[in-house]
Amino acid sequence: MRTFTGLADEPDTPPAPSLAESVRAVRRDHGGGRWQLHLSRKHVESVAYAPWLHALTGSASETNRYAREYGVSYRP
């Protein structure tokens, strides 16, 4: 996510406004060992673009998992 938000205006679909701030505010849950990222619906839709970009390199596993877990996928 930090890579995606760091690209800013480079992709055809830039990250949603204030997504970078949400990514910087991420916290690790020490009990469960997971990262906690709080996103608005607009952020969730924007985040779906990042695994889709990664899928262009040959692996769609992140895209499929994101769609399965959050019900959101990016379709150009």
C-alpha atoms as a PDB file:
ATOM      1  CA  MET A   1       0.000   0.000   0.000  1.00  0.00           C
ATOM      2  CA  ARG A   2       2.824   2.403   0.735  1.00  0.00           C
ATOM      3  CA  THR A   3       4.207   1.809  -2.746  1.00  0.00           C
ATOM      4  CA  PHE A   4       0.804   2.386  -4.331  1.00  0.00           C
ATOM      5  CA  THR A   5       0.118   5.580  -2.385  1.00  0.00           C
ATOM      6  CA  GLY A   6       3.682   6.722  -3.057  1.00  0.00           C
ATOM      7  CA  LEU A   7       3.004   6.658  -6.788  1.00  0.00           C
ATOM      8  CA  ALA A   8       0.455   9.469  -6.274  1.00  0.00           C
ATOM      9  CA  ASP A   9      -0.576  10.740  -9.708  1.00  0.00           C
ATOM     10  CA  GLU A  10       1.463   8.309 -11.813  1.00  0.00           C
ATOM     11  CA  PRO A  11      -1.144   5.538 -12.325  1.00  0.00           C
ATOM     12  CA  ASP A  12      -4.156   6.073 -14.573  1.00  0.00           C
ATOM     13  CA  THR A  13      -6.279   5.730 -11.447  1.00  0.00           C
ATOM     14  CA  PRO A  14      -4.551   7.618  -8.624  1.00  0.00           C
ATOM     15  CA  PRO A  15      -5.142   6.694  -4.977  1.00  0.00           C
ATOM     16  CA  ALA A  16      -8.240   8.176  -3.326  1.00  0.00           C
ATOM     17  CA  PRO A  17      -7.733  11.470  -1.498  1.00  0.00           C
ATOM     18  CA  SER A  18      -6.406  10.999   2.048  1.00  0.00           C
ATOM     19  CA  LEU A  19      -5.607   7.295   1.444  1.00  0.00           C
ATOM     20  CA  ALA A  20      -1.906   7.979   2.032  1.00  0.00           C
ATOM     21  CA  GLU A  21      -2.717   9.444   5.457  1.00  0.00           C
ATOM     22  CA  SER A  22      -4.717   6.335   6.373  1.00  0.00           C
ATOM     23  CA  VAL A  23      -1.848   4.095   5.268  1.00  0.00           C
ATOM     24  CA  ARG A  24       0.641   6.089   7.343  1.00  0.00           C
ATOM     25  CA  ALA A  25      -1.667   5.715  10.384  1.00  0.00           C
ATOM     26  CA  VAL A  26      -1.710   1.888  10.184  1.00  0.00           C
ATOM     27  CA  ARG A  27      -1.152   0.077  13.473  1.00  0.00           C
ATOM     28  CA  ARG A  28      -0.073  -3.475  14.252  1.00  0.00           C
ATOM     29  CA  ASP A  29      -2.294  -5.533  16.539  1.00  0.00           C
ATOM     30  CA  HIS A  30       0.265  -7.237  18.739  1.00  0.00           C
ATOM     31  CA  GLY A  31      -2.220  -9.792  20.042  1.00  0.00           C
ATOM     32  CA  GLY A  32      -3.291 -11.048  16.624  1.00  0.00           C
ATOM     33  CA  GLY A  33      -0.199 -10.022  14.681  1.00  0.00           C
ATOM     34  CA  ARG A  34      -2.239  -8.279  11.972  1.00  0.00           C
ATOM     35  CA  TRP A  35      -2.029  -4.777  10.612  1.00  0.00           C
ATOM     36  CA  GLN A  36      -5.085  -2.596  11.261  1.00  0.00           C
ATOM     37  CA  LEU A  37      -5.894  -0.198   8.468  1.00  0.00           C
ATOM     38  CA  HIS A  38      -9.076   1.849   8.804  1.00  0.00           C
ATOM     39  CA  LEU A  39     -10.549   2.786   5.430  1.00  0.00           C
ATOM     40  CA  SER A  40     -13.627   4.540   4.112  1.00  0.00           C
ATOM     41  CA  ARG A  41     -15.668   2.893   1.333  1.00  0.00           C
ATOM     42  CA  LYS A  42     -13.957   5.176  -1.200  1.00  0.00           C
ATOM     43  CA  HIS A  43     -10.559   4.061   0.132  1.00  0.00           C
ATOM     44  CA  VAL A  44     -11.545   0.371  -0.114  1.00  0.00           C
ATOM     45  CA  GLU A  45     -12.468   0.858  -3.767  1.00  0.00           C
ATOM     46  CA  SER A  46      -9.208   2.682  -4.431  1.00  0.00           C
ATOM     47  CA  VAL A  47      -7.174  -0.019  -2.675  1.00  0.00           C
ATOM     48  CA  ALA A  48      -8.671  -2.632  -5.036  1.00  0.00           C
ATOM     49  CA  TYR A  49      -6.624  -1.039  -7.821  1.00  0.00           C
ATOM     50  CA  ALA A  50      -3.284  -1.856  -6.133  1.00  0.00           C
ATOM     51  CA  PRO A  51      -3.609  -5.692  -6.261  1.00  0.00           C
ATOM     52  CA  TRP A  52      -4.935  -5.385  -9.812  1.00  0.00           C
ATOM     53  CA  LEU A  53      -1.732  -3.557 -10.780  1.00  0.00           C
ATOM     54  CA  HIS A  54       0.271  -6.320  -9.103  1.00  0.00           C
ATOM     55  CA  ALA A  55      -1.709  -8.926 -11.062  1.00  0.00           C
ATOM     56  CA  LEU A  56      -0.362  -7.369 -14.261  1.00  0.00           C
ATOM     57  CA  THR A  57       3.045  -8.732 -13.244  1.00  0.00           C
ATOM     58  CA  GLY A  58       1.683 -12.271 -13.332  1.00  0.00           C
ATOM     59  CA  SER A  59       0.046 -13.082  -9.997  1.00  0.00           C
ATOM     60  CA  ALA A  60      -3.676 -12.557  -9.461  1.00  0.00           C
ATOM     61  CA  SER A  61      -3.745 -14.138  -5.989  1.00  0.00           C
ATOM     62  CA  GLU A  62      -3.814 -10.774  -4.153  1.00  0.00           C
ATOM     63  CA  THR A  63      -6.566  -9.476  -6.426  1.00  0.00           C
ATOM     64  CA  ASN A  64      -8.657 -12.601  -5.921  1.00  0.00           C
ATOM     65  CA  ARG A  65      -8.171 -12.597  -2.157  1.00  0.00           C
ATOM     66  CA  TYR A  66      -9.078  -8.907  -1.861  1.00  0.00           C
ATOM     67  CA  ALA A  67     -12.231  -9.438  -3.930  1.00  0.00           C
ATOM     68  CA  ARG A  68     -13.177 -12.495  -1.882  1.00  0.00           C
ATOM     69  CA  GLU A  69     -12.576 -10.889   1.529  1.00  0.00           C
ATOM     70  CA  TYR A  70     -13.899  -7.382   0.865  1.00  0.00           C
ATOM     71  CA  GLY A  71     -16.288  -7.863  -2.042  1.00  0.00           C
ATOM     72  CA  VAL A  72     -14.527  -5.214  -4.114  1.00  0.00           C
ATOM     73  CA  SER A  73     -12.500  -5.642  -7.277  1.00  0.00           C
ATOM     74  CA  TYR A  74     -11.101  -3.262  -9.838  1.00  0.00           C
ATOM     75  CA  ARG A  75     -12.287  -3.760 -13.410  1.00  0.00           C
ATOM     76  CA  PRO A  76     -10.815  -1.445 -16.021  1.00  0.00           C
END
